[in-house]
């Protein structure tokens, strides 16, 4: 997902109010911990983010029921 699309979707569809700097900090933390990968489009210079395959598989299967909960509220934790 592109950075601009992620910011728009978080602020509009997920009802999360997050600043650009908060999102950058969170994404840097996730990338630092090797949970996401980033790539820059050579033409548009836009940065896009993808989940590491093992993380995507874990979220999809959710073996311990930690990812998908019925009472989960939309929040964004800043990774450190």
PDB file of N, CA and C in Angstrom:
ATOM      1  N   UNK A   1       0.856  -1.168   0.000  1.00  0.00           N
ATOM      2  CA  UNK A   1       0.000   0.000   0.000  1.00  0.00           C
ATOM      3  C   UNK A   1       0.901   1.230   0.000  1.00  0.00           C
ATOM      4  N   UNK A   2       0.498   2.236  -0.739  1.00  0.00           N
ATOM      5  CA  UNK A   2       1.304   3.454  -0.784  1.00  0.00           C
ATOM      6  C   UNK A   2       1.102   4.262   0.497  1.00  0.00           C
ATOM      7  N   UNK A   3       2.092   5.084   0.818  1.00  0.00           N
ATOM      8  CA  UNK A   3       2.038   5.888   2.039  1.00  0.00           C
ATOM      9  C   UNK A   3       0.814   6.793   2.046  1.00  0.00           C
ATOM     10  N   UNK A   4       0.575   7.486   0.936  1.00  0.00           N
ATOM     11  CA  UNK A   4      -0.555   8.425   0.896  1.00  0.00           C
ATOM     12  C   UNK A   4      -1.889   7.696   1.047  1.00  0.00           C
ATOM     13  N   UNK A   5      -2.021   6.532   0.418  1.00  0.00           N
ATOM     14  CA  UNK A   5      -3.264   5.762   0.528  1.00  0.00           C
ATOM     15  C   UNK A   5      -3.451   5.251   1.957  1.00  0.00           C
ATOM     16  N   UNK A   6      -2.370   4.809   2.579  1.00  0.00           N
ATOM     17  CA  UNK A   6      -2.442   4.332   3.955  1.00  0.00           C
ATOM     18  C   UNK A   6      -2.895   5.438   4.897  1.00  0.00           C
ATOM     19  N   UNK A   7      -2.333   6.620   4.751  1.00  0.00           N
ATOM     20  CA  UNK A   7      -2.699   7.751   5.605  1.00  0.00           C
ATOM     21  C   UNK A   7      -4.164   8.126   5.416  1.00  0.00           C
ATOM     22  N   UNK A   8      -4.622   8.170   4.173  1.00  0.00           N
ATOM     23  CA  UNK A   8      -6.018   8.508   3.885  1.00  0.00           C
ATOM     24  C   UNK A   8      -6.955   7.457   4.480  1.00  0.00           C
ATOM     25  N   UNK A   9      -6.641   6.182   4.257  1.00  0.00           N
ATOM     26  CA  UNK A   9      -7.516   5.114   4.756  1.00  0.00           C
ATOM     27  C   UNK A   9      -7.571   5.077   6.277  1.00  0.00           C
ATOM     28  N   UNK A  10      -6.446   5.300   6.933  1.00  0.00           N
ATOM     29  CA  UNK A  10      -6.454   5.308   8.398  1.00  0.00           C
ATOM     30  C   UNK A  10      -7.301   6.450   8.938  1.00  0.00           C
ATOM     31  N   UNK A  11      -7.189   7.614   8.335  1.00  0.00           N
ATOM     32  CA  UNK A  11      -7.917   8.778   8.831  1.00  0.00           C
ATOM     33  C   UNK A  11      -9.396   8.771   8.451  1.00  0.00           C
ATOM     34  N   UNK A  12      -9.760   8.117   7.356  1.00  0.00           N
ATOM     35  CA  UNK A  12     -11.154   8.150   6.912  1.00  0.00           C
ATOM     36  C   UNK A  12     -11.904   6.871   7.244  1.00  0.00           C
ATOM     37  N   UNK A  13     -11.461   5.759   6.710  1.00  0.00           N
ATOM     38  CA  UNK A  13     -12.245   4.533   6.841  1.00  0.00           C
ATOM     39  C   UNK A  13     -12.065   3.836   8.176  1.00  0.00           C
ATOM     40  N   UNK A  14     -10.936   3.973   8.808  1.00  0.00           N
ATOM     41  CA  UNK A  14     -10.702   3.293  10.075  1.00  0.00           C
ATOM     42  C   UNK A  14     -11.029   4.170  11.276  1.00  0.00           C
ATOM     43  N   UNK A  15     -11.450   5.406  11.029  1.00  0.00           N
ATOM     44  CA  UNK A  15     -11.816   6.347  12.088  1.00  0.00           C
ATOM     45  C   UNK A  15     -10.684   6.558  13.089  1.00  0.00           C
ATOM     46  N   UNK A  16      -9.468   6.553  12.584  1.00  0.00           N
ATOM     47  CA  UNK A  16      -8.296   6.808  13.410  1.00  0.00           C
ATOM     48  C   UNK A  16      -7.725   8.152  12.993  1.00  0.00           C
ATOM     49  N   UNK A  17      -7.540   9.031  13.951  1.00  0.00           N
ATOM     50  CA  UNK A  17      -6.922  10.314  13.660  1.00  0.00           C
ATOM     51  C   UNK A  17      -5.433  10.189  13.951  1.00  0.00           C
ATOM     52  N   UNK A  18      -4.641  10.227  12.902  1.00  0.00           N
ATOM     53  CA  UNK A  18      -3.200  10.055  13.055  1.00  0.00           C
ATOM     54  C   UNK A  18      -2.492  11.085  12.196  1.00  0.00           C
ATOM     55  N   UNK A  19      -1.449  11.655  12.746  1.00  0.00           N
ATOM     56  CA  UNK A  19      -0.686  12.647  11.992  1.00  0.00           C
ATOM     57  C   UNK A  19       0.316  11.932  11.090  1.00  0.00           C
ATOM     58  N   UNK A  20       0.804  12.665  10.114  1.00  0.00           N
ATOM     59  CA  UNK A  20       1.803  12.112   9.203  1.00  0.00           C
ATOM     60  C   UNK A  20       3.042  11.678   9.971  1.00  0.00           C
ATOM     61  N   UNK A  21       3.475  12.484  10.925  1.00  0.00           N
ATOM     62  CA  UNK A  21       4.689  12.139  11.683  1.00  0.00           C
ATOM     63  C   UNK A  21       4.482  10.892  12.544  1.00  0.00           C
ATOM     64  N   UNK A  22       3.282  10.715  13.110  1.00  0.00           N
ATOM     65  CA  UNK A  22       2.997   9.510  13.892  1.00  0.00           C
ATOM     66  C   UNK A  22       3.029   8.271  13.006  1.00  0.00           C
ATOM     67  N   UNK A  23       2.477   8.387  11.806  1.00  0.00           N
ATOM     68  CA  UNK A  23       2.475   7.259  10.880  1.00  0.00           C
ATOM     69  C   UNK A  23       3.893   6.916  10.450  1.00  0.00           C
ATOM     70  N   UNK A  24       4.692   7.926  10.154  1.00  0.00           N
ATOM     71  CA  UNK A  24       6.084   7.689   9.757  1.00  0.00           C
ATOM     72  C   UNK A  24       6.838   6.983  10.880  1.00  0.00           C
ATOM     73  N   UNK A  25       6.654   7.445  12.105  1.00  0.00           N
ATOM     74  CA  UNK A  25       7.323   6.831  13.259  1.00  0.00           C
ATOM     75  C   UNK A  25       6.913   5.367  13.414  1.00  0.00           C
ATOM     76  N   UNK A  26       5.619   5.095  13.286  1.00  0.00           N
ATOM     77  CA  UNK A  26       5.120   3.722  13.409  1.00  0.00           C
ATOM     78  C   UNK A  26       5.681   2.833  12.306  1.00  0.00           C
ATOM     79  N   UNK A  27       5.678   3.329  11.073  1.00  0.00           N
ATOM     80  CA  UNK A  27       6.187   2.542   9.948  1.00  0.00           C
ATOM     81  C   UNK A  27       7.687   2.299  10.072  1.00  0.00           C
ATOM     82  N   UNK A  28       8.432   3.298  10.535  1.00  0.00           N
ATOM     83  CA  UNK A  28       9.873   3.118  10.738  1.00  0.00           C
ATOM     84  C   UNK A  28      10.139   2.035  11.781  1.00  0.00           C
ATOM     85  N   UNK A  29       9.345   2.020  12.836  1.00  0.00           N
ATOM     86  CA  UNK A  29       9.500   0.990  13.863  1.00  0.00           C
ATOM     87  C   UNK A  29       9.203  -0.402  13.334  1.00  0.00           C
ATOM     88  N   UNK A  30       8.133  -0.519  12.554  1.00  0.00           N
ATOM     89  CA  UNK A  30       7.790  -1.815  11.961  1.00  0.00           C
ATOM     90  C   UNK A  30       8.870  -2.281  10.994  1.00  0.00           C
ATOM     91  N   UNK A  31       9.414  -1.353  10.214  1.00  0.00           N
ATOM     92  CA  UNK A  31      10.470  -1.709   9.266  1.00  0.00           C
ATOM     93  C   UNK A  31      11.756  -2.078  10.011  1.00  0.00           C
ATOM     94  N   UNK A  32      12.060  -1.356  11.065  1.00  0.00           N
ATOM     95  CA  UNK A  32      13.252  -1.632  11.879  1.00  0.00           C
ATOM     96  C   UNK A  32      13.192  -3.042  12.457  1.00  0.00           C
ATOM     97  N   UNK A  33      11.996  -3.478  12.833  1.00  0.00           N
ATOM     98  CA  UNK A  33      11.806  -4.817  13.391  1.00  0.00           C
ATOM     99  C   UNK A  33      11.531  -5.869  12.320  1.00  0.00           C
ATOM    100  N   UNK A  34      11.724  -5.513  11.063  1.00  0.00           N
ATOM    101  CA  UNK A  34      11.555  -6.420   9.917  1.00  0.00           C
ATOM    102  C   UNK A  34      10.152  -6.996   9.807  1.00  0.00           C
ATOM    103  N   UNK A  35       9.140  -6.224  10.201  1.00  0.00           N
ATOM    104  CA  UNK A  35       7.760  -6.676  10.071  1.00  0.00           C
ATOM    105  C   UNK A  35       7.130  -6.214   8.769  1.00  0.00           C
ATOM    106  N   UNK A  36       7.672  -5.142   8.176  1.00  0.00           N
ATOM    107  CA  UNK A  36       7.216  -4.669   6.874  1.00  0.00           C
ATOM    108  C   UNK A  36       8.432  -4.369   6.009  1.00  0.00           C
ATOM    109  N   UNK A  37       8.201  -4.309   4.710  1.00  0.00           N
ATOM    110  CA  UNK A  37       9.232  -3.917   3.753  1.00  0.00           C
ATOM    111  C   UNK A  37       8.747  -2.675   3.034  1.00  0.00           C
ATOM    112  N   UNK A  38       9.684  -1.817   2.663  1.00  0.00           N
ATOM    113  CA  UNK A  38       9.308  -0.630   1.894  1.00  0.00           C
ATOM    114  C   UNK A  38      10.035  -0.651   0.558  1.00  0.00           C
ATOM    115  N   UNK A  39       9.403  -0.037  -0.428  1.00  0.00           N
ATOM    116  CA  UNK A  39      10.014   0.095  -1.746  1.00  0.00           C
ATOM    117  C   UNK A  39       9.590   1.426  -2.342  1.00  0.00           C
ATOM    118  N   UNK A  40      10.486   2.006  -3.132  1.00  0.00           N
ATOM    119  CA  UNK A  40      10.205   3.300  -3.746  1.00  0.00           C
ATOM    120  C   UNK A  40      10.008   3.115  -5.243  1.00  0.00           C
ATOM    121  N   UNK A  41       8.897   3.632  -5.755  1.00  0.00           N
ATOM    122  CA  UNK A  41       8.617   3.597  -7.186  1.00  0.00           C
ATOM    123  C   UNK A  41       9.596   4.541  -7.877  1.00  0.00           C
ATOM    124  N   UNK A  42      10.378   4.049  -8.846  1.00  0.00           N
ATOM    125  CA  UNK A  42      11.371   4.905  -9.502  1.00  0.00           C
ATOM    126  C   UNK A  42      10.760   6.053 -10.304  1.00  0.00           C
ATOM    127  N   UNK A  43       9.540   5.888 -10.760  1.00  0.00           N
ATOM    128  CA  UNK A  43       8.896   6.925 -11.560  1.00  0.00           C
ATOM    129  C   UNK A  43       8.248   7.989 -10.691  1.00  0.00           C
ATOM    130  N   UNK A  44       7.401   7.567  -9.772  1.00  0.00           N
ATOM    131  CA  UNK A  44       6.640   8.522  -8.957  1.00  0.00           C
ATOM    132  C   UNK A  44       7.351   8.903  -7.664  1.00  0.00           C
ATOM    133  N   UNK A  45       8.364   8.137  -7.284  1.00  0.00           N
ATOM    134  CA  UNK A  45       9.106   8.343  -6.030  1.00  0.00           C
ATOM    135  C   UNK A  45       8.253   8.074  -4.793  1.00  0.00           C
ATOM    136  N   UNK A  46       7.079   7.479  -4.984  1.00  0.00           N
ATOM    137  CA  UNK A  46       6.194   7.157  -3.862  1.00  0.00           C
ATOM    138  C   UNK A  46       6.683   5.882  -3.180  1.00  0.00           C
ATOM    139  N   UNK A  47       6.645   5.899  -1.858  1.00  0.00           N
ATOM    140  CA  UNK A  47       7.050   4.737  -1.077  1.00  0.00           C
ATOM    141  C   UNK A  47       5.823   3.874  -0.807  1.00  0.00           C
ATOM    142  N   UNK A  48       5.991   2.572  -1.011  1.00  0.00           N
ATOM    143  CA  UNK A  48       4.931   1.607  -0.731  1.00  0.00           C
ATOM    144  C   UNK A  48       5.424   0.622   0.313  1.00  0.00           C
ATOM    145  N   UNK A  49       4.484   0.052   1.055  1.00  0.00           N
ATOM    146  CA  UNK A  49       4.820  -0.869   2.129  1.00  0.00           C
ATOM    147  C   UNK A  49       4.103  -2.190   1.924  1.00  0.00           C
ATOM    148  N   UNK A  50       4.799  -3.273   2.248  1.00  0.00           N
ATOM    149  CA  UNK A  50       4.214  -4.610   2.186  1.00  0.00           C
ATOM    150  C   UNK A  50       4.576  -5.362   3.459  1.00  0.00           C
ATOM    151  N   UNK A  51       3.739  -6.325   3.801  1.00  0.00           N
ATOM    152  CA  UNK A  51       4.034  -7.185   4.943  1.00  0.00           C
ATOM    153  C   UNK A  51       5.041  -8.246   4.531  1.00  0.00           C
ATOM    154  N   UNK A  52       5.896  -8.635   5.455  1.00  0.00           N
ATOM    155  CA  UNK A  52       6.773  -9.771   5.228  1.00  0.00           C
ATOM    156  C   UNK A  52       5.866 -10.992   5.041  1.00  0.00           C
ATOM    157  N   UNK A  53       6.234 -11.922   4.154  1.00  0.00           N
ATOM    158  CA  UNK A  53       5.377 -13.090   3.908  1.00  0.00           C
ATOM    159  C   UNK A  53       5.007 -13.867   5.172  1.00  0.00           C
ATOM    160  N   UNK A  54       5.938 -14.042   6.089  1.00  0.00           N
ATOM    161  CA  UNK A  54       5.637 -14.800   7.307  1.00  0.00           C
ATOM    162  C   UNK A  54       4.641 -14.049   8.189  1.00  0.00           C
ATOM    163  N   UNK A  55       4.701 -12.736   8.211  1.00  0.00           N
ATOM    164  CA  UNK A  55       3.756 -11.933   8.992  1.00  0.00           C
ATOM    165  C   UNK A  55       2.368 -12.012   8.362  1.00  0.00           C
ATOM    166  N   UNK A  56       2.321 -11.910   7.030  1.00  0.00           N
ATOM    167  CA  UNK A  56       1.043 -12.009   6.314  1.00  0.00           C
ATOM    168  C   UNK A  56       0.386 -13.365   6.586  1.00  0.00           C
ATOM    169  N   UNK A  57       1.179 -14.429   6.564  1.00  0.00           N
ATOM    170  CA  UNK A  57       0.661 -15.775   6.821  1.00  0.00           C
ATOM    171  C   UNK A  57       0.127 -15.872   8.251  1.00  0.00           C
ATOM    172  N   UNK A  58       0.851 -15.315   9.212  1.00  0.00           N
ATOM    173  CA  UNK A  58       0.423 -15.371  10.608  1.00  0.00           C
ATOM    174  C   UNK A  58      -0.889 -14.616  10.810  1.00  0.00           C
ATOM    175  N   UNK A  59      -0.985 -13.432  10.223  1.00  0.00           N
ATOM    176  CA  UNK A  59      -2.208 -12.636  10.357  1.00  0.00           C
ATOM    177  C   UNK A  59      -3.389 -13.356   9.716  1.00  0.00           C
ATOM    178  N   UNK A  60      -3.138 -13.987   8.580  1.00  0.00           N
ATOM    179  CA  UNK A  60      -4.202 -14.697   7.873  1.00  0.00           C
ATOM    180  C   UNK A  60      -4.692 -15.905   8.671  1.00  0.00           C
ATOM    181  N   UNK A  61      -3.767 -16.680   9.229  1.00  0.00           N
ATOM    182  CA  UNK A  61      -4.169 -17.886   9.958  1.00  0.00           C
ATOM    183  C   UNK A  61      -4.560 -17.587  11.400  1.00  0.00           C
ATOM    184  N   UNK A  62      -3.921 -16.606  12.032  1.00  0.00           N
ATOM    185  CA  UNK A  62      -4.233 -16.168  13.402  1.00  0.00           C
ATOM    186  C   UNK A  62      -4.414 -17.359  14.347  1.00  0.00           C
ATOM    187  N   UNK A  63      -3.366 -18.186  14.520  1.00  0.00           N
ATOM    188  CA  UNK A  63      -3.512 -19.424  15.280  1.00  0.00           C
ATOM    189  C   UNK A  63      -3.907 -19.243  16.742  1.00  0.00           C
ATOM    190  N   UNK A  64      -3.555 -18.128  17.350  1.00  0.00           N
ATOM    191  CA  UNK A  64      -3.869 -17.922  18.763  1.00  0.00           C
ATOM    192  C   UNK A  64      -5.056 -16.988  18.971  1.00  0.00           C
ATOM    193  N   UNK A  65      -5.674 -16.530  17.887  1.00  0.00           N
ATOM    194  CA  UNK A  65      -6.824 -15.646  17.997  1.00  0.00           C
ATOM    195  C   UNK A  65      -6.480 -14.257  18.496  1.00  0.00           C
ATOM    196  N   UNK A  66      -5.258 -13.822  18.253  1.00  0.00           N
ATOM    197  CA  UNK A  66      -4.812 -12.522  18.745  1.00  0.00           C
ATOM    198  C   UNK A  66      -5.069 -11.381  17.775  1.00  0.00           C
ATOM    199  N   UNK A  67      -5.165 -11.678  16.501  1.00  0.00           N
ATOM    200  CA  UNK A  67      -5.301 -10.627  15.494  1.00  0.00           C
ATOM    201  C   UNK A  67      -6.747 -10.223  15.302  1.00  0.00           C
ATOM    202  N   UNK A  68      -7.625 -11.174  15.171  1.00  0.00           N
ATOM    203  CA  UNK A  68      -9.035 -10.898  14.907  1.00  0.00           C
ATOM    204  C   UNK A  68      -9.849 -11.128  16.173  1.00  0.00           C
ATOM    205  N   UNK A  69     -10.216 -10.046  16.847  1.00  0.00           N
ATOM    206  CA  UNK A  69     -11.060 -10.158  18.032  1.00  0.00           C
ATOM    207  C   UNK A  69     -12.311  -9.332  17.821  1.00  0.00           C
ATOM    208  N   UNK A  70     -13.394  -9.753  18.424  1.00  0.00           N
ATOM    209  CA  UNK A  70     -14.668  -9.064  18.214  1.00  0.00           C
ATOM    210  C   UNK A  70     -14.733  -7.722  18.921  1.00  0.00           C
ATOM    211  N   UNK A  71     -13.988  -7.553  20.005  1.00  0.00           N
ATOM    212  CA  UNK A  71     -14.045  -6.297  20.742  1.00  0.00           C
ATOM    213  C   UNK A  71     -12.852  -5.387  20.467  1.00  0.00           C
ATOM    214  N   UNK A  72     -12.137  -5.662  19.397  1.00  0.00           N
ATOM    215  CA  UNK A  72     -10.947  -4.867  19.072  1.00  0.00           C
ATOM    216  C   UNK A  72     -11.352  -3.471  18.634  1.00  0.00           C
ATOM    217  N   UNK A  73     -10.705  -2.493  19.207  1.00  0.00           N
ATOM    218  CA  UNK A  73     -10.951  -1.111  18.791  1.00  0.00           C
ATOM    219  C   UNK A  73      -9.840  -0.690  17.851  1.00  0.00           C
ATOM    220  N   UNK A  74     -10.142   0.176  16.890  1.00  0.00           N
ATOM    221  CA  UNK A  74      -9.123   0.577  15.920  1.00  0.00           C
ATOM    222  C   UNK A  74      -8.078   1.486  16.568  1.00  0.00           C
ATOM    223  N   UNK A  75      -6.885   0.947  16.741  1.00  0.00           N
ATOM    224  CA  UNK A  75      -5.788   1.739  17.288  1.00  0.00           C
ATOM    225  C   UNK A  75      -4.530   1.438  16.498  1.00  0.00           C
ATOM    226  N   UNK A  76      -3.597   2.347  16.561  1.00  0.00           N
ATOM    227  CA  UNK A  76      -2.319   2.155  15.896  1.00  0.00           C
ATOM    228  C   UNK A  76      -1.240   2.261  16.955  1.00  0.00           C
ATOM    229  N   UNK A  77      -0.567   1.158  17.202  1.00  0.00           N
ATOM    230  CA  UNK A  77       0.509   1.169  18.187  1.00  0.00           C
ATOM    231  C   UNK A  77       1.798   1.564  17.490  1.00  0.00           C
ATOM    232  N   UNK A  78       2.507   2.475  18.098  1.00  0.00           N
ATOM    233  CA  UNK A  78       3.781   2.900  17.532  1.00  0.00           C
ATOM    234  C   UNK A  78       4.841   1.923  18.003  1.00  0.00           C
ATOM    235  N   UNK A  79       5.449   1.230  17.054  1.00  0.00           N
ATOM    236  CA  UNK A  79       6.489   0.260  17.379  1.00  0.00           C
ATOM    237  C   UNK A  79       7.767   0.990  17.753  1.00  0.00           C
ATOM    238  N   UNK A  80       8.456   0.453  18.712  1.00  0.00           N
ATOM    239  CA  UNK A  80       9.709   1.093  19.115  1.00  0.00           C
ATOM    240  C   UNK A  80      10.874   0.161  18.915  1.00  0.00           C
TER     241      UNK A  80
END
